[in-house]
Protein backbone atom coordinates (compact mmCIF):
# COMPACT_ATOMS: atom_id res chain seq x y z
CA UNK A 1 169.94 147.17 73.90
CA UNK A 2 173.47 147.71 75.09
CA UNK A 3 173.18 146.58 78.72
CA UNK A 4 170.52 145.09 80.95
CA UNK A 5 170.38 145.91 84.65
CA UNK A 6 167.79 143.84 86.48
CA UNK A 7 166.73 142.94 89.99
CA UNK A 8 164.52 139.87 89.65
CA UNK A 9 162.01 139.53 92.47
CA UNK A 10 163.66 142.05 94.77
CA UNK A 11 161.91 144.54 96.99
CA UNK A 12 162.07 148.10 95.78
CA UNK A 13 161.91 149.55 99.29
CA UNK A 14 165.65 150.07 99.58
CA UNK A 15 168.92 149.49 97.73
CA UNK A 16 169.95 146.38 99.65
CA UNK A 17 169.65 143.35 97.42
CA UNK A 18 169.16 145.53 94.32
CA UNK A 19 172.39 144.47 92.62
CA UNK A 20 171.19 145.63 89.19
CA UNK A 21 170.32 149.15 90.32
CA UNK A 22 173.49 149.42 92.39
CA UNK A 23 175.59 148.28 89.39
CA UNK A 24 173.86 150.83 87.15
CA UNK A 25 174.61 153.63 89.61
CA UNK A 26 178.21 152.44 90.05
CA UNK A 27 178.71 152.29 86.27
CA UNK A 28 177.37 155.83 85.98
CA UNK A 29 179.62 157.12 88.77
CA UNK A 30 182.67 155.44 87.20
CA UNK A 31 181.82 156.65 83.69
CA UNK A 32 181.42 153.09 82.36
CA UNK A 33 178.26 153.84 80.40
CA UNK A 34 178.14 153.71 76.62
CA UNK A 35 174.44 154.48 76.20
CA UNK A 36 172.37 157.66 76.03
CA UNK A 37 169.01 156.39 77.29
CA UNK A 38 167.79 154.11 80.06
CA UNK A 39 164.54 152.27 79.37
CA UNK A 40 162.53 151.65 82.54
CA UNK A 41 159.15 149.88 82.56
CA UNK A 42 157.42 152.40 84.84
CA UNK A 43 158.16 154.93 87.58
CA UNK A 44 157.95 152.33 90.37
CA UNK A 45 160.75 150.22 88.82
CA UNK A 46 163.45 152.58 90.05
CA UNK A 47 162.15 151.86 93.52
CA UNK A 48 159.19 151.95 95.85
CA UNK A 49 161.18 153.83 98.44
CA UNK A 50 159.14 155.05 101.40
CA UNK A 51 160.56 158.51 100.71
CA UNK A 52 159.66 159.36 97.09
CA UNK A 53 162.60 161.77 96.96
CA UNK A 54 165.00 158.81 97.15
CA UNK A 55 163.84 157.47 93.78
CA UNK A 56 164.02 161.02 92.41
CA UNK A 57 167.67 161.31 93.49
CA UNK A 58 168.54 158.11 91.62
CA UNK A 59 166.88 159.43 88.48
CA UNK A 60 168.68 162.75 88.93
CA UNK A 61 172.06 160.96 89.18
CA UNK A 62 171.28 159.09 85.96
CA UNK A 63 170.22 162.24 84.11
CA UNK A 64 173.21 164.20 85.45
CA UNK A 65 175.42 161.67 83.62
CA UNK A 66 173.71 162.64 80.36
CA UNK A 67 171.46 159.59 80.21
CA UNK A 68 167.79 160.17 79.42
CA UNK A 69 165.36 158.08 81.48
CA UNK A 70 162.46 156.79 79.37
CA UNK A 71 159.46 155.17 81.09
CA UNK A 72 157.94 152.67 78.65
CA UNK A 73 154.56 152.00 80.26
CA UNK A 74 153.76 155.52 81.42
CA UNK A 75 151.30 157.84 79.68
CA UNK A 76 153.51 160.91 80.03
CA UNK A 77 156.73 161.96 78.36
CA UNK A 78 159.64 162.28 80.81
CA UNK A 79 160.73 165.61 79.40
CA UNK A 80 161.42 167.63 82.55
CA UNK A 81 158.22 169.62 82.23
CA UNK A 82 156.24 170.65 85.28
CA UNK A 83 153.46 168.19 84.44
CA UNK A 84 155.83 165.22 84.12
CA UNK A 85 157.56 166.17 87.39
CA UNK A 86 154.22 166.32 89.21
CA UNK A 87 153.04 163.03 87.73
CA UNK A 88 156.32 161.29 88.67
CA UNK A 89 156.10 162.58 92.24
CA UNK A 90 152.52 161.36 92.58
CA UNK A 91 153.39 157.97 91.05
CA UNK A 92 156.42 157.55 93.34
CA UNK A 93 154.24 158.33 96.34
CA UNK A 94 151.58 155.89 95.10
CA UNK A 95 154.23 153.17 94.67
CA UNK A 96 155.44 153.68 98.24
CA UNK A 97 151.86 153.56 99.55
CA UNK A 98 151.17 150.39 97.54
CA UNK A 99 154.16 148.72 99.25
CA UNK A 100 152.94 149.82 102.68
CA UNK A 101 149.43 148.50 102.03
CA UNK A 102 150.71 145.22 100.58
CA UNK A 103 152.94 144.71 103.62
CA UNK A 104 149.96 145.14 105.95
CA UNK A 105 147.88 142.66 103.91
CA UNK A 106 150.64 140.04 103.74
CA UNK A 107 151.30 140.32 107.48
CA UNK A 108 147.58 139.99 108.25
CA UNK A 109 147.33 136.90 106.04
CA UNK A 110 150.35 135.26 107.65
CA UNK A 111 149.11 136.12 111.15
CA UNK A 112 145.71 134.61 110.33
CA UNK A 113 147.30 131.34 109.19
CA UNK A 114 149.53 131.22 112.27
CA UNK A 115 146.50 131.78 114.54
CA UNK A 116 144.81 128.85 112.80
CA UNK A 117 147.78 126.65 113.64
CA UNK A 118 149.60 126.63 110.31
CA UNK A 119 153.35 127.02 110.20
CA UNK A 120 154.77 129.83 108.08
CA UNK A 121 158.19 129.59 106.49
CA UNK A 122 160.33 127.07 104.70
CA UNK A 123 160.60 123.33 104.94
CA UNK A 124 159.50 121.57 108.10
CA UNK A 125 162.26 121.11 110.65
CA UNK A 126 164.19 117.85 111.09
CA UNK A 127 161.93 115.08 112.40
CA UNK A 128 158.72 116.95 111.60
CA UNK A 129 156.21 116.08 108.91
CA UNK A 130 153.70 118.26 107.11
CA UNK A 131 150.05 117.27 106.96
CA UNK A 132 147.90 118.42 104.05
CA UNK A 133 144.41 119.41 105.22
CA UNK A 134 141.26 120.47 103.37
CA UNK A 135 139.36 123.72 103.82
CA UNK A 136 137.58 122.27 106.90
CA UNK A 137 140.85 121.24 108.56
CA UNK A 138 140.33 117.53 107.86
CA UNK A 139 143.50 115.57 107.06
CA UNK A 140 144.00 114.71 103.38
CA UNK A 141 147.43 113.13 103.61
CA UNK A 142 151.05 113.65 104.49
CA UNK A 143 152.91 116.16 102.31
CA UNK A 144 156.21 114.57 101.35
CA UNK A 145 159.24 116.45 100.04
CA UNK A 146 160.15 115.82 96.41
C-alpha cells in the first residue's frame, strides 16, 4: 500500500464531504500519484451517485491517468471487456437504487417515531430532559447525559 484514500461514514450520493475521493482525484489531476493500481472494495465504493454515469466518469479519470482500478470483492475482472462494463453499469445502478430505497425506509422510520411523540435529532435542548420509556410507552426513568 502506498496511499490510503478513505471517506469514513460518508454518503456516496455526491462528492461533498468525500474528502478522500476528492483528494484522490486532485492527486491524479496534479500528477501526484506514484502507484499503478487503485484497490477498491466494490463498485459502490466509488459512489452511489443517482446517475450511474457519474461514478463511471470518476473511474475513467483514474484509468486515463494510467491507474488500473481493481475491485476486491467483485466476482468479475475489471478488464475493460464488454461483460465487465455491463456488470459495472448494473452494479452502479443497483447501488443508486439501494440508496434511494434506504432513504425512503429511514425517512419512514423517523416519521413514525415523530408521529408517536419521540424527538429525532441530537441532545435535548437547554432546560429539557429526556425520559426513557418501555415498548408500551410507560416511563422507565430519566435519561441523563454522561
